[in-house]
Amino acid sequence: MTTMCALLSGLPLMLGHGAGSELRRPLGYAMVGGLVLSQALTLFTTPVVYLYLDRAHYWYMNKKEARAARKAARKGGAAPVIESH
């Protein structure tokens, strides 16, 4: 909502005509272009970051379980059961 509000407020700067509009038009292009680009990058990169963090979590938990199993095997006992979420 905030991005859309800021983007829509930059449209009059970008599309405006009249006295002094040649000075304000680059600001409008920079605002609208930057907001569109940053919003698109945010929408595409955030899920990817969460997927990588989830994979790293499962990798770490598997390493932890394997380490616990090796430790239990050295002591001659049964491997402890570690529940992952």
PDB file of N, CA and C in Angstrom:
ATOM      1  N   MET A   1       0.830  -1.191   0.000  1.00  0.00           N
ATOM      2  CA  MET A   1       0.000   0.000   0.000  1.00  0.00           C
ATOM      3  C   MET A   1       0.876   1.256   0.000  1.00  0.00           C
ATOM      4  N   THR A   2       1.906   1.259   0.815  1.00  0.00           N
ATOM      5  CA  THR A   2       2.776   2.433   0.887  1.00  0.00           C
ATOM      6  C   THR A   2       3.508   2.636  -0.429  1.00  0.00           C
ATOM      7  N   THR A   3       3.990   1.546  -1.021  1.00  0.00           N
ATOM      8  CA  THR A   3       4.699   1.648  -2.291  1.00  0.00           C
ATOM      9  C   THR A   3       3.767   2.140  -3.379  1.00  0.00           C
ATOM     10  N   MET A   4       2.551   1.622  -3.405  1.00  0.00           N
ATOM     11  CA  MET A   4       1.591   2.049  -4.417  1.00  0.00           C
ATOM     12  C   MET A   4       1.239   3.521  -4.248  1.00  0.00           C
ATOM     13  N   CYS A   5       1.099   3.980  -3.027  1.00  0.00           N
ATOM     14  CA  CYS A   5       0.807   5.393  -2.765  1.00  0.00           C
ATOM     15  C   CYS A   5       1.948   6.281  -3.259  1.00  0.00           C
ATOM     16  N   ALA A   6       3.172   5.899  -2.943  1.00  0.00           N
ATOM     17  CA  ALA A   6       4.321   6.683  -3.388  1.00  0.00           C
ATOM     18  C   ALA A   6       4.468   6.639  -4.902  1.00  0.00           C
ATOM     19  N   LEU A   7       4.202   5.467  -5.491  1.00  0.00           N
ATOM     20  CA  LEU A   7       4.292   5.337  -6.945  1.00  0.00           C
ATOM     21  C   LEU A   7       3.256   6.214  -7.636  1.00  0.00           C
ATOM     22  N   LEU A   8       2.034   6.177  -7.149  1.00  0.00           N
ATOM     23  CA  LEU A   8       0.990   6.993  -7.753  1.00  0.00           C
ATOM     24  C   LEU A   8       1.230   8.491  -7.537  1.00  0.00           C
ATOM     25  N   SER A   9       1.893   8.844  -6.455  1.00  0.00           N
ATOM     26  CA  SER A   9       2.191  10.262  -6.246  1.00  0.00           C
ATOM     27  C   SER A   9       3.316  10.737  -7.162  1.00  0.00           C
ATOM     28  N   GLY A  10       4.110   9.811  -7.686  1.00  0.00           N
ATOM     29  CA  GLY A  10       5.164  10.184  -8.633  1.00  0.00           C
ATOM     30  C   GLY A  10       4.678  10.311 -10.061  1.00  0.00           C
ATOM     31  N   LEU A  11       3.495   9.775 -10.358  1.00  0.00           N
ATOM     32  CA  LEU A  11       2.976   9.851 -11.726  1.00  0.00           C
ATOM     33  C   LEU A  11       2.743  11.283 -12.207  1.00  0.00           C
ATOM     34  N   PRO A  12       2.152  12.184 -11.413  1.00  0.00           N
ATOM     35  CA  PRO A  12       2.009  13.559 -11.905  1.00  0.00           C
ATOM     36  C   PRO A  12       3.355  14.226 -12.211  1.00  0.00           C
ATOM     37  N   LEU A  13       4.380  13.890 -11.427  1.00  0.00           N
ATOM     38  CA  LEU A  13       5.697  14.435 -11.727  1.00  0.00           C
ATOM     39  C   LEU A  13       6.211  13.899 -13.059  1.00  0.00           C
ATOM     40  N   MET A  14       5.977  12.624 -13.291  1.00  0.00           N
ATOM     41  CA  MET A  14       6.494  11.981 -14.493  1.00  0.00           C
ATOM     42  C   MET A  14       5.715  12.398 -15.741  1.00  0.00           C
ATOM     43  N   LEU A  15       4.418  12.576 -15.615  1.00  0.00           N
ATOM     44  CA  LEU A  15       3.571  12.846 -16.773  1.00  0.00           C
ATOM     45  C   LEU A  15       3.170  14.301 -16.922  1.00  0.00           C
ATOM     46  N   GLY A  16       3.585  15.130 -15.974  1.00  0.00           N
ATOM     47  CA  GLY A  16       3.148  16.522 -15.975  1.00  0.00           C
ATOM     48  C   GLY A  16       3.692  17.337 -17.139  1.00  0.00           C
ATOM     49  N   HIS A  17       2.905  18.333 -17.528  1.00  0.00           N
ATOM     50  CA  HIS A  17       3.307  19.283 -18.566  1.00  0.00           C
ATOM     51  C   HIS A  17       3.142  20.679 -17.996  1.00  0.00           C
ATOM     52  N   GLY A  18       3.815  21.625 -18.546  1.00  0.00           N
ATOM     53  CA  GLY A  18       3.667  23.001 -18.094  1.00  0.00           C
ATOM     54  C   GLY A  18       5.005  23.596 -17.730  1.00  0.00           C
ATOM     55  N   ALA A  19       4.917  24.750 -17.098  1.00  0.00           N
ATOM     56  CA  ALA A  19       6.128  25.485 -16.733  1.00  0.00           C
ATOM     57  C   ALA A  19       6.933  24.712 -15.693  1.00  0.00           C
ATOM     58  N   GLY A  20       8.187  24.485 -15.985  1.00  0.00           N
ATOM     59  CA  GLY A  20       9.077  23.825 -15.051  1.00  0.00           C
ATOM     60  C   GLY A  20       8.982  22.309 -15.037  1.00  0.00           C
ATOM     61  N   SER A  21       8.130  21.732 -15.902  1.00  0.00           N
ATOM     62  CA  SER A  21       7.973  20.274 -15.874  1.00  0.00           C
ATOM     63  C   SER A  21       9.227  19.557 -16.350  1.00  0.00           C
ATOM     64  N   GLU A  22      10.036  20.217 -17.171  1.00  0.00           N
ATOM     65  CA  GLU A  22      11.261  19.572 -17.646  1.00  0.00           C
ATOM     66  C   GLU A  22      12.267  19.369 -16.521  1.00  0.00           C
ATOM     67  N   LEU A  23      12.122  20.101 -15.436  1.00  0.00           N
ATOM     68  CA  LEU A  23      12.995  19.910 -14.281  1.00  0.00           C
ATOM     69  C   LEU A  23      12.475  18.842 -13.327  1.00  0.00           C
ATOM     70  N   ARG A  24      11.147  18.687 -13.268  1.00  0.00           N
ATOM     71  CA  ARG A  24      10.555  17.711 -12.345  1.00  0.00           C
ATOM     72  C   ARG A  24      10.395  16.319 -12.958  1.00  0.00           C
ATOM     73  N   ARG A  25      10.356  16.239 -14.285  1.00  0.00           N
ATOM     74  CA  ARG A  25      10.118  14.958 -14.950  1.00  0.00           C
ATOM     75  C   ARG A  25      11.169  13.901 -14.610  1.00  0.00           C
ATOM     76  N   PRO A  26      12.476  14.205 -14.585  1.00  0.00           N
ATOM     77  CA  PRO A  26      13.452  13.165 -14.198  1.00  0.00           C
ATOM     78  C   PRO A  26      13.234  12.625 -12.782  1.00  0.00           C
ATOM     79  N   LEU A  27      12.798  13.486 -11.876  1.00  0.00           N
ATOM     80  CA  LEU A  27      12.497  13.022 -10.525  1.00  0.00           C
ATOM     81  C   LEU A  27      11.352  12.024 -10.548  1.00  0.00           C
ATOM     82  N   GLY A  28      10.321  12.302 -11.344  1.00  0.00           N
ATOM     83  CA  GLY A  28       9.193  11.380 -11.465  1.00  0.00           C
ATOM     84  C   GLY A  28       9.616  10.047 -12.039  1.00  0.00           C
ATOM     85  N   TYR A  29      10.452  10.072 -13.090  1.00  0.00           N
ATOM     86  CA  TYR A  29      10.946   8.821 -13.674  1.00  0.00           C
ATOM     87  C   TYR A  29      11.765   8.029 -12.653  1.00  0.00           C
ATOM     88  N   ALA A  30      12.615   8.713 -11.911  1.00  0.00           N
ATOM     89  CA  ALA A  30      13.441   8.034 -10.920  1.00  0.00           C
ATOM     90  C   ALA A  30      12.584   7.427  -9.805  1.00  0.00           C
ATOM     91  N   MET A  31      11.590   8.174  -9.339  1.00  0.00           N
ATOM     92  CA  MET A  31      10.716   7.664  -8.278  1.00  0.00           C
ATOM     93  C   MET A  31       9.934   6.445  -8.735  1.00  0.00           C
ATOM     94  N   VAL A  32       9.237   6.584  -9.853  1.00  0.00           N
ATOM     95  CA  VAL A  32       8.377   5.500 -10.325  1.00  0.00           C
ATOM     96  C   VAL A  32       9.217   4.284 -10.723  1.00  0.00           C
ATOM     97  N   GLY A  33      10.292   4.501 -11.456  1.00  0.00           N
ATOM     98  CA  GLY A  33      11.143   3.389 -11.871  1.00  0.00           C
ATOM     99  C   GLY A  33      11.778   2.678 -10.693  1.00  0.00           C
ATOM    100  N   GLY A  34      12.264   3.431  -9.734  1.00  0.00           N
ATOM    101  CA  GLY A  34      12.882   2.827  -8.556  1.00  0.00           C
ATOM    102  C   GLY A  34      11.892   2.043  -7.714  1.00  0.00           C
ATOM    103  N   LEU A  35      10.699   2.583  -7.557  1.00  0.00           N
ATOM    104  CA  LEU A  35       9.692   1.877  -6.765  1.00  0.00           C
ATOM    105  C   LEU A  35       9.210   0.609  -7.461  1.00  0.00           C
ATOM    106  N   VAL A  36       9.020   0.669  -8.775  1.00  0.00           N
ATOM    107  CA  VAL A  36       8.595  -0.525  -9.511  1.00  0.00           C
ATOM    108  C   VAL A  36       9.681  -1.596  -9.439  1.00  0.00           C
ATOM    109  N   LEU A  37      10.925  -1.201  -9.661  1.00  0.00           N
ATOM    110  CA  LEU A  37      12.029  -2.153  -9.623  1.00  0.00           C
ATOM    111  C   LEU A  37      12.201  -2.760  -8.232  1.00  0.00           C
ATOM    112  N   SER A  38      12.181  -1.928  -7.205  1.00  0.00           N
ATOM    113  CA  SER A  38      12.382  -2.452  -5.850  1.00  0.00           C
ATOM    114  C   SER A  38      11.228  -3.355  -5.425  1.00  0.00           C
ATOM    115  N   GLN A  39      10.013  -3.022  -5.821  1.00  0.00           N
ATOM    116  CA  GLN A  39       8.868  -3.873  -5.470  1.00  0.00           C
ATOM    117  C   GLN A  39       8.959  -5.216  -6.184  1.00  0.00           C
ATOM    118  N   ALA A  40       9.335  -5.205  -7.448  1.00  0.00           N
ATOM    119  CA  ALA A  40       9.472  -6.463  -8.195  1.00  0.00           C
ATOM    120  C   ALA A  40      10.580  -7.326  -7.596  1.00  0.00           C
ATOM    121  N   LEU A  41      11.711  -6.720  -7.272  1.00  0.00           N
ATOM    122  CA  LEU A  41      12.805  -7.489  -6.670  1.00  0.00           C
ATOM    123  C   LEU A  41      12.404  -8.060  -5.321  1.00  0.00           C
ATOM    124  N   THR A  42      11.676  -7.293  -4.535  1.00  0.00           N
ATOM    125  CA  THR A  42      11.226  -7.766  -3.225  1.00  0.00           C
ATOM    126  C   THR A  42      10.272  -8.945  -3.372  1.00  0.00           C
ATOM    127  N   LEU A  43       9.342  -8.851  -4.308  1.00  0.00           N
ATOM    128  CA  LEU A  43       8.360  -9.928  -4.479  1.00  0.00           C
ATOM    129  C   LEU A  43       8.994 -11.208  -4.983  1.00  0.00           C
ATOM    130  N   PHE A  44      10.083 -11.101  -5.743  1.00  0.00           N
ATOM    131  CA  PHE A  44      10.719 -12.303  -6.272  1.00  0.00           C
ATOM    132  C   PHE A  44      11.814 -12.846  -5.364  1.00  0.00           C
ATOM    133  N   THR A  45      12.530 -11.997  -4.662  1.00  0.00           N
ATOM    134  CA  THR A  45      13.662 -12.476  -3.880  1.00  0.00           C
ATOM    135  C   THR A  45      13.283 -12.954  -2.479  1.00  0.00           C
ATOM    136  N   THR A  46      12.257 -12.412  -1.876  1.00  0.00           N
ATOM    137  CA  THR A  46      11.884 -12.807  -0.519  1.00  0.00           C
ATOM    138  C   THR A  46      11.532 -14.296  -0.427  1.00  0.00           C
ATOM    139  N   PRO A  47      10.699 -14.834  -1.321  1.00  0.00           N
ATOM    140  CA  PRO A  47      10.428 -16.275  -1.233  1.00  0.00           C
ATOM    141  C   PRO A  47      11.676 -17.132  -1.453  1.00  0.00           C
ATOM    142  N   VAL A  48      12.565 -16.680  -2.319  1.00  0.00           N
ATOM    143  CA  VAL A  48      13.787 -17.439  -2.580  1.00  0.00           C
ATOM    144  C   VAL A  48      14.658 -17.487  -1.331  1.00  0.00           C
ATOM    145  N   VAL A  49      14.759 -16.374  -0.626  1.00  0.00           N
ATOM    146  CA  VAL A  49      15.552 -16.345   0.607  1.00  0.00           C
ATOM    147  C   VAL A  49      14.954 -17.294   1.641  1.00  0.00           C
ATOM    148  N   TYR A  50      13.635 -17.298   1.775  1.00  0.00           N
ATOM    149  CA  TYR A  50      13.004 -18.207   2.725  1.00  0.00           C
ATOM    150  C   TYR A  50      13.213 -19.662   2.334  1.00  0.00           C
ATOM    151  N   LEU A  51      13.177 -19.979   1.039  1.00  0.00           N
ATOM    152  CA  LEU A  51      13.441 -21.357   0.609  1.00  0.00           C
ATOM    153  C   LEU A  51      14.856 -21.776   0.952  1.00  0.00           C
ATOM    154  N   TYR A  52      15.830 -20.910   0.704  1.00  0.00           N
ATOM    155  CA  TYR A  52      17.217 -21.252   1.039  1.00  0.00           C
ATOM    156  C   TYR A  52      17.413 -21.402   2.545  1.00  0.00           C
ATOM    157  N   LEU A  53      16.774 -20.551   3.331  1.00  0.00           N
ATOM    158  CA  LEU A  53      16.874 -20.690   4.785  1.00  0.00           C
ATOM    159  C   LEU A  53      16.247 -21.997   5.255  1.00  0.00           C
ATOM    160  N   ASP A  54      15.139 -22.402   4.643  1.00  0.00           N
ATOM    161  CA  ASP A  54      14.498 -23.660   4.999  1.00  0.00           C
ATOM    162  C   ASP A  54      15.395 -24.843   4.646  1.00  0.00           C
ATOM    163  N   ARG A  55      16.012 -24.803   3.473  1.00  0.00           N
ATOM    164  CA  ARG A  55      16.933 -25.871   3.079  1.00  0.00           C
ATOM    165  C   ARG A  55      18.135 -25.926   4.015  1.00  0.00           C
ATOM    166  N   ALA A  56      18.656 -24.773   4.393  1.00  0.00           N
ATOM    167  CA  ALA A  56      19.796 -24.741   5.306  1.00  0.00           C
ATOM    168  C   ALA A  56      19.406 -25.319   6.668  1.00  0.00           C
ATOM    169  N   HIS A  57      18.185 -25.042   7.098  1.00  0.00           N
ATOM    170  CA  HIS A  57      17.707 -25.591   8.368  1.00  0.00           C
ATOM    171  C   HIS A  57      17.671 -27.111   8.308  1.00  0.00           C
ATOM    172  N   TYR A  58      17.098 -27.695   7.255  1.00  0.00           N
ATOM    173  CA  TYR A  58      17.028 -29.149   7.141  1.00  0.00           C
ATOM    174  C   TYR A  58      18.413 -29.762   6.994  1.00  0.00           C
ATOM    175  N   TRP A  59      19.305 -29.103   6.286  1.00  0.00           N
ATOM    176  CA  TRP A  59      20.681 -29.592   6.152  1.00  0.00           C
ATOM    177  C   TRP A  59      21.352 -29.629   7.518  1.00  0.00           C
ATOM    178  N   TYR A  60      21.178 -28.566   8.300  1.00  0.00           N
ATOM    179  CA  TYR A  60      21.769 -28.503   9.636  1.00  0.00           C
ATOM    180  C   TYR A  60      21.184 -29.580  10.548  1.00  0.00           C
ATOM    181  N   MET A  61      19.876 -29.768  10.482  1.00  0.00           N
ATOM    182  CA  MET A  61      19.253 -30.782  11.340  1.00  0.00           C
ATOM    183  C   MET A  61      19.722 -32.184  10.956  1.00  0.00           C
ATOM    184  N   ASN A  62      19.876 -32.454   9.670  1.00  0.00           N
ATOM    185  CA  ASN A  62      20.385 -33.767   9.251  1.00  0.00           C
ATOM    186  C   ASN A  62      21.815 -33.978   9.730  1.00  0.00           C
ATOM    187  N   LYS A  63      22.637 -32.938   9.639  1.00  0.00           N
ATOM    188  CA  LYS A  63      24.010 -33.038  10.144  1.00  0.00           C
ATOM    189  C   LYS A  63      24.011 -33.294  11.648  1.00  0.00           C
ATOM    190  N   LYS A  64      23.121 -32.623  12.357  1.00  0.00           N
ATOM    191  CA  LYS A  64      23.044 -32.780  13.810  1.00  0.00           C
ATOM    192  C   LYS A  64      22.622 -34.207  14.178  1.00  0.00           C
ATOM    193  N   GLU A  65      21.638 -34.743  13.452  1.00  0.00           N
ATOM    194  CA  GLU A  65      21.194 -36.113  13.709  1.00  0.00           C
ATOM    195  C   GLU A  65      22.302 -37.114  13.392  1.00  0.00           C
ATOM    196  N   ALA A  66      23.013 -36.907  12.297  1.00  0.00           N
ATOM    197  CA  ALA A  66      24.098 -37.812  11.931  1.00  0.00           C
ATOM    198  C   ALA A  66      25.217 -37.751  12.970  1.00  0.00           C
ATOM    199  N   ARG A  67      25.510 -36.564  13.464  1.00  0.00           N
ATOM    200  CA  ARG A  67      26.541 -36.406  14.487  1.00  0.00           C
ATOM    201  C   ARG A  67      26.128 -37.124  15.765  1.00  0.00           C
ATOM    202  N   ALA A  68      24.853 -37.006  16.143  1.00  0.00           N
ATOM    203  CA  ALA A  68      24.359 -37.680  17.347  1.00  0.00           C
ATOM    204  C   ALA A  68      24.397 -39.192  17.171  1.00  0.00           C
ATOM    205  N   ALA A  69      24.079 -39.666  15.967  1.00  0.00           N
ATOM    206  CA  ALA A  69      24.118 -41.112  15.717  1.00  0.00           C
ATOM    207  C   ALA A  69      25.544 -41.638  15.780  1.00  0.00           C
ATOM    208  N   ARG A  70      26.506 -40.906  15.224  1.00  0.00           N
ATOM    209  CA  ARG A  70      27.906 -41.334  15.289  1.00  0.00           C
ATOM    210  C   ARG A  70      28.397 -41.348  16.727  1.00  0.00           C
ATOM    211  N   LYS A  71      28.003 -40.349  17.490  1.00  0.00           N
ATOM    212  CA  LYS A  71      28.425 -40.266  18.887  1.00  0.00           C
ATOM    213  C   LYS A  71      27.852 -41.435  19.688  1.00  0.00           C
ATOM    214  N   ALA A  72      26.574 -41.761  19.426  1.00  0.00           N
ATOM    215  CA  ALA A  72      25.940 -42.881  20.120  1.00  0.00           C
ATOM    216  C   ALA A  72      26.566 -44.207  19.706  1.00  0.00           C
ATOM    217  N   ALA A  73      26.938 -44.331  18.424  1.00  0.00           N
ATOM    218  CA  ALA A  73      27.557 -45.573  17.948  1.00  0.00           C
ATOM    219  C   ALA A  73      28.926 -45.772  18.579  1.00  0.00           C
ATOM    220  N   ARG A  74      29.658 -44.703  18.805  1.00  0.00           N
ATOM    221  CA  ARG A  74      30.974 -44.822  19.451  1.00  0.00           C
ATOM    222  C   ARG A  74      30.837 -45.270  20.895  1.00  0.00           C
ATOM    223  N   LYS A  75      29.777 -44.827  21.553  1.00  0.00           N
ATOM    224  CA  LYS A  75      29.566 -45.208  22.949  1.00  0.00           C
ATOM    225  C   LYS A  75      28.900 -46.578  23.062  1.00  0.00           C
ATOM    226  N   GLY A  76      28.385 -47.082  21.948  1.00  0.00           N
ATOM    227  CA  GLY A  76      27.756 -48.392  21.965  1.00  0.00           C
ATOM    228  C   GLY A  76      26.291 -48.375  22.326  1.00  0.00           C
ATOM    229  N   GLY A  77      25.706 -47.237  22.445  1.00  0.00           N
ATOM    230  CA  GLY A  77      24.295 -47.146  22.793  1.00  0.00           C
ATOM    231  C   GLY A  77      23.450 -46.937  21.558  1.00  0.00           C
ATOM    232  N   ALA A  78      22.159 -46.852  21.776  1.00  0.00           N
ATOM    233  CA  ALA A  78      21.236 -46.599  20.686  1.00  0.00           C
ATOM    234  C   ALA A  78      21.244 -45.114  20.344  1.00  0.00           C
ATOM    235  N   ALA A  79      20.989 -44.818  19.084  1.00  0.00           N
ATOM    236  CA  ALA A  79      20.985 -43.437  18.629  1.00  0.00           C
ATOM    237  C   ALA A  79      19.751 -42.718  19.168  1.00  0.00           C
ATOM    238  N   PRO A  80      19.922 -41.516  19.687  1.00  0.00           N
ATOM    239  CA  PRO A  80      18.761 -40.766  20.183  1.00  0.00           C
ATOM    240  C   PRO A  80      17.908 -40.298  19.025  1.00  0.00           C
ATOM    241  N   VAL A  81      16.615 -40.221  19.268  1.00  0.00           N
ATOM    242  CA  VAL A  81      15.683 -39.772  18.250  1.00  0.00           C
ATOM    243  C   VAL A  81      15.500 -38.271  18.416  1.00  0.00           C
ATOM    244  N   ILE A  82      15.840 -37.517  17.372  1.00  0.00           N
ATOM    245  CA  ILE A  82      15.686 -36.080  17.391  1.00  0.00           C
ATOM    246  C   ILE A  82      14.596 -35.723  16.409  1.00  0.00           C
ATOM    247  N   GLU A  83      13.529 -35.104  16.902  1.00  0.00           N
ATOM    248  CA  GLU A  83      12.424 -34.737  16.034  1.00  0.00           C
ATOM    249  C   GLU A  83      12.716 -33.398  15.388  1.00  0.00           C
ATOM    250  N   SER A  84      12.503 -33.328  14.072  1.00  0.00           N
ATOM    251  CA  SER A  84      12.661 -32.055  13.380  1.00  0.00           C
ATOM    252  C   SER A  84      11.287 -31.453  13.144  1.00  0.00           C
ATOM    253  N   HIS A  85      11.260 -30.162  13.036  1.00  0.00           N
ATOM    254  CA  HIS A  85       9.983 -29.447  12.893  1.00  0.00           C
ATOM    255  C   HIS A  85       9.608 -29.341  11.464  1.00  0.00           C
TER     256      HIS A  85
END
